[in-house]
Amino acid sequence: MEAAGCWANRRRKSIKDKAKISLRNYDVGDKFSHLPLTKASVLMPLMVKDEKLHVLFTVRSMKLRRSPGEVCFPGGKSEATDRDEIATALREAKEEVGLCPEQVEVICRLVPRIDKMGSLITPVAGFIDDSFQACPNPEEVSAVFVVPLDYFINPVKYTALPYRASDGVSHWMHSFVYDDPEHNTSYEIWGLTAHFAVFLALVIFGERPTFDVEYDLDNLISSSEDSLLALYKTQHEKRKSRL
């Protein structure tokens, strides 16, 4: 029994260590922090559960004015007291689900994305223990659940939704439905949250998904950075034209 426990611990450590190596290869640090946009961050909390990587999501409270009831990662806008994007993500995670900064092993910042409001959203990847018990703030969060990360490579229920981005160009938006056996509930994960979850899975697993993505998968980091800068350039030029 003790030997089985030791083997399981080694297995969990191996899964985690491999993921950390992959993530650090894609760490952008503060490379895009200089962009003159409103800043926000999200924390993508990873854990090893049942010998698989899982990622934690929240469901936004119906009391919120913006996007009530939608699935998202813990996160929010930067405040003047935040040292950087990591500090923002950790602060918001504590406020929303009671996840203390010392409970998170921060690994990296991945390529940001510009949301429909024109804010620069930076995803921060970090590991938490699978024993973490969330304490949702009912003013902000109505539920917390986890999804196997490989679901965002090989989903059971997936739809590509058409939408027109702020640059005026038509794109496809990822939309997943995950049937959570733990809560006996189906959750829809779409939009920017789904985009970050897919990118996280691509970085860690290095596999081609069963659906189309906008990136060159053989040059994932450069194509994702080029996509961000192209969108920023388009938005910047549109703002100048209005002046």
C-alpha atoms as a PDB file:
ATOM      1  CA  MET A   1       0.000   0.000   0.000  1.00  0.00           C
ATOM      2  CA  GLU A   2       2.831   2.358   0.911  1.00  0.00           C
ATOM      3  CA  ALA A   3       4.656   1.480  -2.304  1.00  0.00           C
ATOM      4  CA  ALA A   4       1.516   2.261  -4.319  1.00  0.00           C
ATOM      5  CA  GLY A   5       1.261   5.645  -2.603  1.00  0.00           C
ATOM      6  CA  CYS A   6       4.889   6.443  -3.409  1.00  0.00           C
ATOM      7  CA  TRP A   7       4.358   5.447  -7.046  1.00  0.00           C
ATOM      8  CA  ALA A   8       1.298   7.687  -7.285  1.00  0.00           C
ATOM      9  CA  ASN A   9       3.215  10.624  -5.818  1.00  0.00           C
ATOM     10  CA  ARG A  10       6.041  10.125  -8.299  1.00  0.00           C
ATOM     11  CA  ARG A  11       3.521   9.927 -11.123  1.00  0.00           C
ATOM     12  CA  ARG A  12       1.861  13.192 -10.044  1.00  0.00           C
ATOM     13  CA  LYS A  13       5.249  14.895  -9.749  1.00  0.00           C
ATOM     14  CA  SER A  14       6.248  13.688 -13.218  1.00  0.00           C
ATOM     15  CA  ILE A  15       3.041  15.024 -14.795  1.00  0.00           C
ATOM     16  CA  LYS A  16       3.472  18.359 -13.041  1.00  0.00           C
ATOM     17  CA  ASP A  17       7.177  18.704 -13.850  1.00  0.00           C
ATOM     18  CA  LYS A  18       6.643  18.029 -17.549  1.00  0.00           C
ATOM     19  CA  ALA A  19       3.872  20.633 -17.688  1.00  0.00           C
ATOM     20  CA  LYS A  20       6.048  23.197 -15.904  1.00  0.00           C
ATOM     21  CA  ILE A  21       8.842  22.739 -18.429  1.00  0.00           C
ATOM     22  CA  SER A  22       6.457  23.261 -21.347  1.00  0.00           C
ATOM     23  CA  LEU A  23       4.874  26.324 -19.749  1.00  0.00           C
ATOM     24  CA  ARG A  24       8.197  28.000 -19.005  1.00  0.00           C
ATOM     25  CA  ASN A  25       9.158  27.647 -22.658  1.00  0.00           C
ATOM     26  CA  TYR A  26       6.194  29.899 -23.471  1.00  0.00           C
ATOM     27  CA  ASP A  27       6.626  32.447 -20.690  1.00  0.00           C
ATOM     28  CA  VAL A  28       6.320  35.979 -22.127  1.00  0.00           C
ATOM     29  CA  GLY A  29       7.079  37.742 -18.831  1.00  0.00           C
ATOM     30  CA  ASP A  30       6.405  41.460 -19.149  1.00  0.00           C
ATOM     31  CA  LYS A  31       6.990  41.531 -22.913  1.00  0.00           C
ATOM     32  CA  PHE A  32       3.578  43.089 -23.606  1.00  0.00           C
ATOM     33  CA  SER A  33       3.138  45.068 -20.394  1.00  0.00           C
ATOM     34  CA  HIS A  34       4.120  48.303 -22.170  1.00  0.00           C
ATOM     35  CA  LEU A  35       1.073  48.292 -24.449  1.00  0.00           C
ATOM     36  CA  PRO A  36      -1.066  51.341 -23.518  1.00  0.00           C
ATOM     37  CA  LEU A  37      -4.272  49.433 -22.852  1.00  0.00           C
ATOM     38  CA  THR A  38      -6.408  48.856 -19.774  1.00  0.00           C
ATOM     39  CA  LYS A  39      -4.890  45.841 -18.031  1.00  0.00           C
ATOM     40  CA  ALA A  40      -6.526  42.772 -16.528  1.00  0.00           C
ATOM     41  CA  SER A  41      -5.346  39.283 -15.616  1.00  0.00           C
ATOM     42  CA  VAL A  42      -6.776  35.831 -15.098  1.00  0.00           C
ATOM     43  CA  LEU A  43      -5.321  32.947 -13.117  1.00  0.00           C
ATOM     44  CA  MET A  44      -5.465  29.515 -14.741  1.00  0.00           C
ATOM     45  CA  PRO A  45      -5.153  27.203 -11.706  1.00  0.00           C
ATOM     46  CA  LEU A  46      -3.781  23.803 -12.711  1.00  0.00           C
ATOM     47  CA  MET A  47      -3.798  20.692 -10.537  1.00  0.00           C
ATOM     48  CA  VAL A  48      -2.953  17.022 -10.887  1.00  0.00           C
ATOM     49  CA  LYS A  49      -6.067  15.020 -10.032  1.00  0.00           C
ATOM     50  CA  ASP A  50      -6.603  11.311 -10.702  1.00  0.00           C
ATOM     51  CA  GLU A  51      -3.232  11.299 -12.469  1.00  0.00           C
ATOM     52  CA  LYS A  52      -4.398  13.876 -15.017  1.00  0.00           C
ATOM     53  CA  LEU A  53      -3.979  17.600 -15.383  1.00  0.00           C
ATOM     54  CA  HIS A  54      -7.103  19.564 -14.528  1.00  0.00           C
ATOM     55  CA  VAL A  55      -7.851  23.283 -14.617  1.00  0.00           C
ATOM     56  CA  LEU A  56     -10.182  25.196 -12.308  1.00  0.00           C
ATOM     57  CA  PHE A  57     -12.998  27.452 -13.516  1.00  0.00           C
ATOM     58  CA  THR A  58     -15.586  29.641 -11.842  1.00  0.00           C
ATOM     59  CA  VAL A  59     -19.150  30.578 -12.750  1.00  0.00           C
ATOM     60  CA  ARG A  60     -19.851  34.277 -12.450  1.00  0.00           C
ATOM     61  CA  SER A  61     -22.582  35.288 -10.005  1.00  0.00           C
ATOM     62  CA  MET A  62     -25.949  36.295 -11.418  1.00  0.00           C
ATOM     63  CA  LYS A  63     -25.601  39.426  -9.261  1.00  0.00           C
ATOM     64  CA  LEU A  64     -22.896  40.795 -11.556  1.00  0.00           C
ATOM     65  CA  ARG A  65     -23.799  43.306 -14.256  1.00  0.00           C
ATOM     66  CA  ARG A  66     -21.266  42.046 -16.760  1.00  0.00           C
ATOM     67  CA  SER A  67     -21.530  38.471 -18.104  1.00  0.00           C
ATOM     68  CA  PRO A  68     -23.600  37.012 -15.231  1.00  0.00           C
ATOM     69  CA  GLY A  69     -23.679  33.220 -15.146  1.00  0.00           C
ATOM     70  CA  GLU A  70     -20.776  32.780 -17.558  1.00  0.00           C
ATOM     71  CA  VAL A  71     -17.836  30.463 -16.982  1.00  0.00           C
ATOM     72  CA  CYS A  72     -14.482  32.151 -16.532  1.00  0.00           C
ATOM     73  CA  PHE A  73     -11.137  31.950 -14.776  1.00  0.00           C
ATOM     74  CA  PRO A  74     -10.587  33.852 -11.535  1.00  0.00           C
ATOM     75  CA  GLY A  75      -9.437  37.339 -12.500  1.00  0.00           C
ATOM     76  CA  GLY A  76     -10.192  40.964 -13.076  1.00  0.00           C
ATOM     77  CA  LYS A  77      -8.839  44.440 -13.705  1.00  0.00           C
ATOM     78  CA  SER A  78      -5.467  45.630 -12.506  1.00  0.00           C
ATOM     79  CA  GLU A  79      -5.378  47.985  -9.534  1.00  0.00           C
ATOM     80  CA  ALA A  80      -2.794  50.661  -8.779  1.00  0.00           C
ATOM     81  CA  THR A  81      -1.407  48.596  -5.892  1.00  0.00           C
ATOM     82  CA  ASP A  82      -0.745  45.546  -8.098  1.00  0.00           C
ATOM     83  CA  ARG A  83       2.939  45.081  -8.828  1.00  0.00           C
ATOM     84  CA  ASP A  84       2.311  43.298 -12.151  1.00  0.00           C
ATOM     85  CA  GLU A  85      -0.092  41.002 -13.985  1.00  0.00           C
ATOM     86  CA  ILE A  86       0.727  38.120 -11.646  1.00  0.00           C
ATOM     87  CA  ALA A  87      -0.180  40.183  -8.580  1.00  0.00           C
ATOM     88  CA  THR A  88      -3.516  41.088 -10.193  1.00  0.00           C
ATOM     89  CA  ALA A  89      -4.368  37.454 -10.922  1.00  0.00           C
ATOM     90  CA  LEU A  90      -3.447  36.296  -7.413  1.00  0.00           C
ATOM     91  CA  ARG A  91      -5.350  39.101  -5.710  1.00  0.00           C
ATOM     92  CA  GLU A  92      -8.486  38.417  -7.732  1.00  0.00           C
ATOM     93  CA  ALA A  93      -8.275  34.660  -7.085  1.00  0.00           C
ATOM     94  CA  LYS A  94      -8.137  35.275  -3.354  1.00  0.00           C
ATOM     95  CA  GLU A  95     -11.080  37.686  -3.506  1.00  0.00           C
ATOM     96  CA  GLU A  96     -13.217  35.391  -5.652  1.00  0.00           C
ATOM     97  CA  VAL A  97     -12.553  31.855  -4.395  1.00  0.00           C
ATOM     98  CA  GLY A  98     -10.387  32.216  -1.274  1.00  0.00           C
ATOM     99  CA  LEU A  99      -7.213  30.969  -2.989  1.00  0.00           C
ATOM    100  CA  CYS A 100      -4.311  32.518  -1.080  1.00  0.00           C
ATOM    101  CA  PRO A 101      -1.198  33.552  -3.054  1.00  0.00           C
ATOM    102  CA  GLU A 102       0.991  31.164  -1.054  1.00  0.00           C
ATOM    103  CA  GLN A 103      -1.217  28.286  -2.258  1.00  0.00           C
ATOM    104  CA  VAL A 104      -0.244  28.977  -5.873  1.00  0.00           C
ATOM    105  CA  GLU A 105       3.008  27.996  -7.542  1.00  0.00           C
ATOM    106  CA  VAL A 106       3.088  30.572 -10.325  1.00  0.00           C
ATOM    107  CA  ILE A 107       4.787  29.213 -13.429  1.00  0.00           C
ATOM    108  CA  CYS A 108       4.445  31.817 -16.187  1.00  0.00           C
ATOM    109  CA  ARG A 109       2.534  34.465 -18.049  1.00  0.00           C
ATOM    110  CA  LEU A 110       1.290  33.386 -21.478  1.00  0.00           C
ATOM    111  CA  VAL A 111       0.540  35.542 -24.520  1.00  0.00           C
ATOM    112  CA  PRO A 112      -2.217  38.055 -23.642  1.00  0.00           C
ATOM    113  CA  ARG A 113      -5.363  38.695 -25.615  1.00  0.00           C
ATOM    114  CA  ILE A 114      -7.352  41.868 -26.264  1.00  0.00           C
ATOM    115  CA  ASP A 115     -10.983  41.458 -25.227  1.00  0.00           C
ATOM    116  CA  LYS A 116     -14.083  43.018 -26.789  1.00  0.00           C
ATOM    117  CA  MET A 117     -13.763  46.033 -24.456  1.00  0.00           C
ATOM    118  CA  GLY A 118     -10.229  46.723 -25.682  1.00  0.00           C
ATOM    119  CA  SER A 119      -8.518  45.561 -22.485  1.00  0.00           C
ATOM    120  CA  LEU A 120      -5.304  43.547 -22.485  1.00  0.00           C
ATOM    121  CA  ILE A 121      -6.000  40.296 -20.622  1.00  0.00           C
ATOM    122  CA  THR A 122      -2.936  38.377 -19.425  1.00  0.00           C
ATOM    123  CA  PRO A 123      -3.330  34.691 -18.517  1.00  0.00           C
ATOM    124  CA  VAL A 124      -1.179  33.542 -15.590  1.00  0.00           C
ATOM    125  CA  ALA A 125      -0.588  29.796 -15.242  1.00  0.00           C
ATOM    126  CA  GLY A 126       0.065  28.278 -11.834  1.00  0.00           C
ATOM    127  CA  PHE A 127      -0.295  25.025  -9.923  1.00  0.00           C
ATOM    128  CA  ILE A 128      -2.448  24.475  -6.866  1.00  0.00           C
ATOM    129  CA  ASP A 129      -2.952  21.374  -4.732  1.00  0.00           C
ATOM    130  CA  ASP A 130      -5.835  19.102  -5.695  1.00  0.00           C
ATOM    131  CA  SER A 131      -7.006  19.268  -2.066  1.00  0.00           C
ATOM    132  CA  PHE A 132      -7.851  22.971  -2.425  1.00  0.00           C
ATOM    133  CA  GLN A 133     -11.352  23.731  -1.149  1.00  0.00           C
ATOM    134  CA  ALA A 134     -12.770  26.859  -2.762  1.00  0.00           C
ATOM    135  CA  CYS A 135     -14.672  29.405  -0.680  1.00  0.00           C
ATOM    136  CA  PRO A 136     -16.559  31.321  -3.380  1.00  0.00           C
ATOM    137  CA  ASN A 137     -17.466  34.940  -2.736  1.00  0.00           C
ATOM    138  CA  PRO A 138     -21.229  34.823  -3.456  1.00  0.00           C
ATOM    139  CA  GLU A 139     -21.175  38.396  -4.747  1.00  0.00           C
ATOM    140  CA  GLU A 140     -18.862  37.322  -7.574  1.00  0.00           C
ATOM    141  CA  VAL A 141     -18.914  33.532  -7.938  1.00  0.00           C
ATOM    142  CA  SER A 142     -21.802  31.061  -7.899  1.00  0.00           C
ATOM    143  CA  ALA A 143     -19.859  27.840  -8.544  1.00  0.00           C
ATOM    144  CA  VAL A 144     -16.368  26.384  -8.898  1.00  0.00           C
ATOM    145  CA  PHE A 145     -15.488  23.270 -10.911  1.00  0.00           C
ATOM    146  CA  VAL A 146     -12.540  21.571 -12.612  1.00  0.00           C
ATOM    147  CA  VAL A 147     -12.137  20.124 -16.105  1.00  0.00           C
ATOM    148  CA  PRO A 148      -9.466  17.725 -17.415  1.00  0.00           C
ATOM    149  CA  LEU A 149      -7.129  19.884 -19.478  1.00  0.00           C
ATOM    150  CA  ASP A 150      -7.035  17.430 -22.362  1.00  0.00           C
ATOM    151  CA  TYR A 151     -10.757  18.138 -22.887  1.00  0.00           C
ATOM    152  CA  PHE A 152      -9.573  21.278 -24.679  1.00  0.00           C
ATOM    153  CA  ILE A 153      -7.671  19.147 -27.180  1.00  0.00           C
ATOM    154  CA  ASN A 154     -10.138  16.293 -27.599  1.00  0.00           C
ATOM    155  CA  PRO A 155     -13.602  17.445 -26.476  1.00  0.00           C
ATOM    156  CA  VAL A 156     -16.812  15.454 -26.460  1.00  0.00           C
ATOM    157  CA  LYS A 157     -19.017  18.488 -27.156  1.00  0.00           C
ATOM    158  CA  TYR A 158     -17.533  21.289 -29.241  1.00  0.00           C
ATOM    159  CA  THR A 159     -18.909  24.007 -31.512  1.00  0.00           C
ATOM    160  CA  ALA A 160     -17.154  26.739 -33.477  1.00  0.00           C
ATOM    161  CA  LEU A 161     -19.205  29.937 -33.237  1.00  0.00           C
ATOM    162  CA  PRO A 162     -18.821  32.755 -35.786  1.00  0.00           C
ATOM    163  CA  TYR A 163     -18.202  36.267 -34.490  1.00  0.00           C
ATOM    164  CA  ARG A 164     -16.892  39.610 -35.722  1.00  0.00           C
ATOM    165  CA  ALA A 165     -13.915  40.882 -33.737  1.00  0.00           C
ATOM    166  CA  SER A 166     -13.184  44.497 -32.862  1.00  0.00           C
ATOM    167  CA  ASP A 167     -10.889  44.650 -35.889  1.00  0.00           C
ATOM    168  CA  GLY A 168     -13.939  44.054 -38.092  1.00  0.00           C
ATOM    169  CA  VAL A 169     -12.698  40.671 -39.269  1.00  0.00           C
ATOM    170  CA  SER A 170     -14.836  37.548 -38.995  1.00  0.00           C
ATOM    171  CA  HIS A 171     -13.416  34.793 -36.777  1.00  0.00           C
ATOM    172  CA  TRP A 172     -14.479  31.535 -35.166  1.00  0.00           C
ATOM    173  CA  MET A 173     -14.936  31.293 -31.405  1.00  0.00           C
ATOM    174  CA  HIS A 174     -14.426  28.076 -29.433  1.00  0.00           C
ATOM    175  CA  SER A 175     -17.382  26.786 -27.428  1.00  0.00           C
ATOM    176  CA  PHE A 176     -17.215  23.654 -25.267  1.00  0.00           C
ATOM    177  CA  VAL A 177     -19.877  21.962 -23.195  1.00  0.00           C
ATOM    178  CA  TYR A 178     -18.475  19.934 -20.307  1.00  0.00           C
ATOM    179  CA  ASP A 179     -20.702  17.501 -18.428  1.00  0.00           C
ATOM    180  CA  ASP A 180     -19.278  17.613 -14.917  1.00  0.00           C
ATOM    181  CA  PRO A 181     -19.881  14.282 -13.134  1.00  0.00           C
ATOM    182  CA  GLU A 182     -18.932  15.730  -9.750  1.00  0.00           C
ATOM    183  CA  HIS A 183     -21.704  18.351  -9.758  1.00  0.00           C
ATOM    184  CA  ASN A 184     -24.009  16.584 -12.246  1.00  0.00           C
ATOM    185  CA  THR A 185     -24.084  19.827 -14.208  1.00  0.00           C
ATOM    186  CA  SER A 186     -23.234  20.838 -17.766  1.00  0.00           C
ATOM    187  CA  TYR A 187     -21.091  23.950 -18.173  1.00  0.00           C
ATOM    188  CA  GLU A 188     -20.570  25.947 -21.353  1.00  0.00           C
ATOM    189  CA  ILE A 189     -17.035  27.292 -21.718  1.00  0.00           C
ATOM    190  CA  TRP A 190     -16.677  29.720 -24.590  1.00  0.00           C
ATOM    191  CA  GLY A 191     -15.157  32.978 -25.800  1.00  0.00           C
ATOM    192  CA  LEU A 192     -11.958  34.309 -24.292  1.00  0.00           C
ATOM    193  CA  THR A 193     -12.018  31.747 -21.474  1.00  0.00           C
ATOM    194  CA  ALA A 194     -12.155  28.897 -23.974  1.00  0.00           C
ATOM    195  CA  HIS A 195      -9.416  30.567 -26.016  1.00  0.00           C
ATOM    196  CA  PHE A 196      -7.071  30.640 -23.019  1.00  0.00           C
ATOM    197  CA  ALA A 197      -7.946  27.047 -22.053  1.00  0.00           C
ATOM    198  CA  VAL A 198      -7.185  25.826 -25.579  1.00  0.00           C
ATOM    199  CA  PHE A 199      -3.901  27.732 -25.689  1.00  0.00           C
ATOM    200  CA  LEU A 200      -2.916  26.314 -22.296  1.00  0.00           C
ATOM    201  CA  ALA A 201      -3.616  22.782 -23.536  1.00  0.00           C
ATOM    202  CA  LEU A 202      -1.697  23.361 -26.775  1.00  0.00           C
ATOM    203  CA  VAL A 203       1.331  24.609 -24.848  1.00  0.00           C
ATOM    204  CA  ILE A 204       1.387  21.734 -22.367  1.00  0.00           C
ATOM    205  CA  PHE A 205       0.461  18.788 -24.574  1.00  0.00           C
ATOM    206  CA  GLY A 206       1.948  19.896 -27.905  1.00  0.00           C
ATOM    207  CA  GLU A 207      -0.743  17.936 -29.723  1.00  0.00           C
ATOM    208  CA  ARG A 208      -3.021  18.877 -32.578  1.00  0.00           C
ATOM    209  CA  PRO A 209      -6.617  19.272 -31.403  1.00  0.00           C
ATOM    210  CA  THR A 210      -9.600  17.630 -33.047  1.00  0.00           C
ATOM    211  CA  PHE A 211     -10.834  21.068 -34.193  1.00  0.00           C
ATOM    212  CA  ASP A 212      -9.303  24.004 -36.070  1.00  0.00           C
ATOM    213  CA  VAL A 213      -7.342  26.744 -34.308  1.00  0.00           C
ATOM    214  CA  GLU A 214      -6.150  30.081 -35.618  1.00  0.00           C
ATOM    215  CA  TYR A 215      -2.466  29.466 -34.951  1.00  0.00           C
ATOM    216  CA  ASP A 216       0.369  27.848 -36.832  1.00  0.00           C
ATOM    217  CA  LEU A 217       0.838  24.894 -34.496  1.00  0.00           C
ATOM    218  CA  ASP A 218       4.408  24.401 -35.653  1.00  0.00           C
ATOM    219  CA  ASN A 219       5.211  27.965 -34.569  1.00  0.00           C
ATOM    220  CA  LEU A 220       2.755  28.441 -31.736  1.00  0.00           C
ATOM    221  CA  ILE A 221       4.436  31.196 -29.755  1.00  0.00           C
ATOM    222  CA  SER A 222       5.391  33.372 -32.727  1.00  0.00           C
ATOM    223  CA  SER A 223       2.001  33.015 -34.428  1.00  0.00           C
ATOM    224  CA  SER A 224       0.134  33.795 -31.181  1.00  0.00           C
ATOM    225  CA  GLU A 225       2.284  36.884 -30.582  1.00  0.00           C
ATOM    226  CA  ASP A 226       1.807  37.996 -34.191  1.00  0.00           C
ATOM    227  CA  SER A 227      -1.965  37.596 -33.801  1.00  0.00           C
ATOM    228  CA  LEU A 228      -1.974  39.778 -30.678  1.00  0.00           C
ATOM    229  CA  LEU A 229       0.161  42.516 -32.234  1.00  0.00           C
ATOM    230  CA  ALA A 230      -1.885  42.543 -35.438  1.00  0.00           C
ATOM    231  CA  LEU A 231      -5.081  43.069 -33.441  1.00  0.00           C
ATOM    232  CA  TYR A 232      -3.448  45.771 -31.333  1.00  0.00           C
ATOM    233  CA  LYS A 233      -2.185  47.561 -34.453  1.00  0.00           C
ATOM    234  CA  THR A 234      -5.653  47.493 -36.023  1.00  0.00           C
ATOM    235  CA  GLN A 235      -7.275  48.878 -32.883  1.00  0.00           C
ATOM    236  CA  HIS A 236      -4.577  51.530 -32.481  1.00  0.00           C
ATOM    237  CA  GLU A 237      -5.068  52.710 -36.065  1.00  0.00           C
ATOM    238  CA  LYS A 238      -8.847  52.853 -35.590  1.00  0.00           C
ATOM    239  CA  ARG A 239      -8.435  55.007 -32.485  1.00  0.00           C
ATOM    240  CA  LYS A 240      -6.119  57.382 -34.332  1.00  0.00           C
ATOM    241  CA  SER A 241      -8.588  57.711 -37.182  1.00  0.00           C
ATOM    242  CA  ARG A 242     -11.268  58.896 -34.737  1.00  0.00           C
ATOM    243  CA  LEU A 243      -9.079  61.725 -33.421  1.00  0.00           C
END
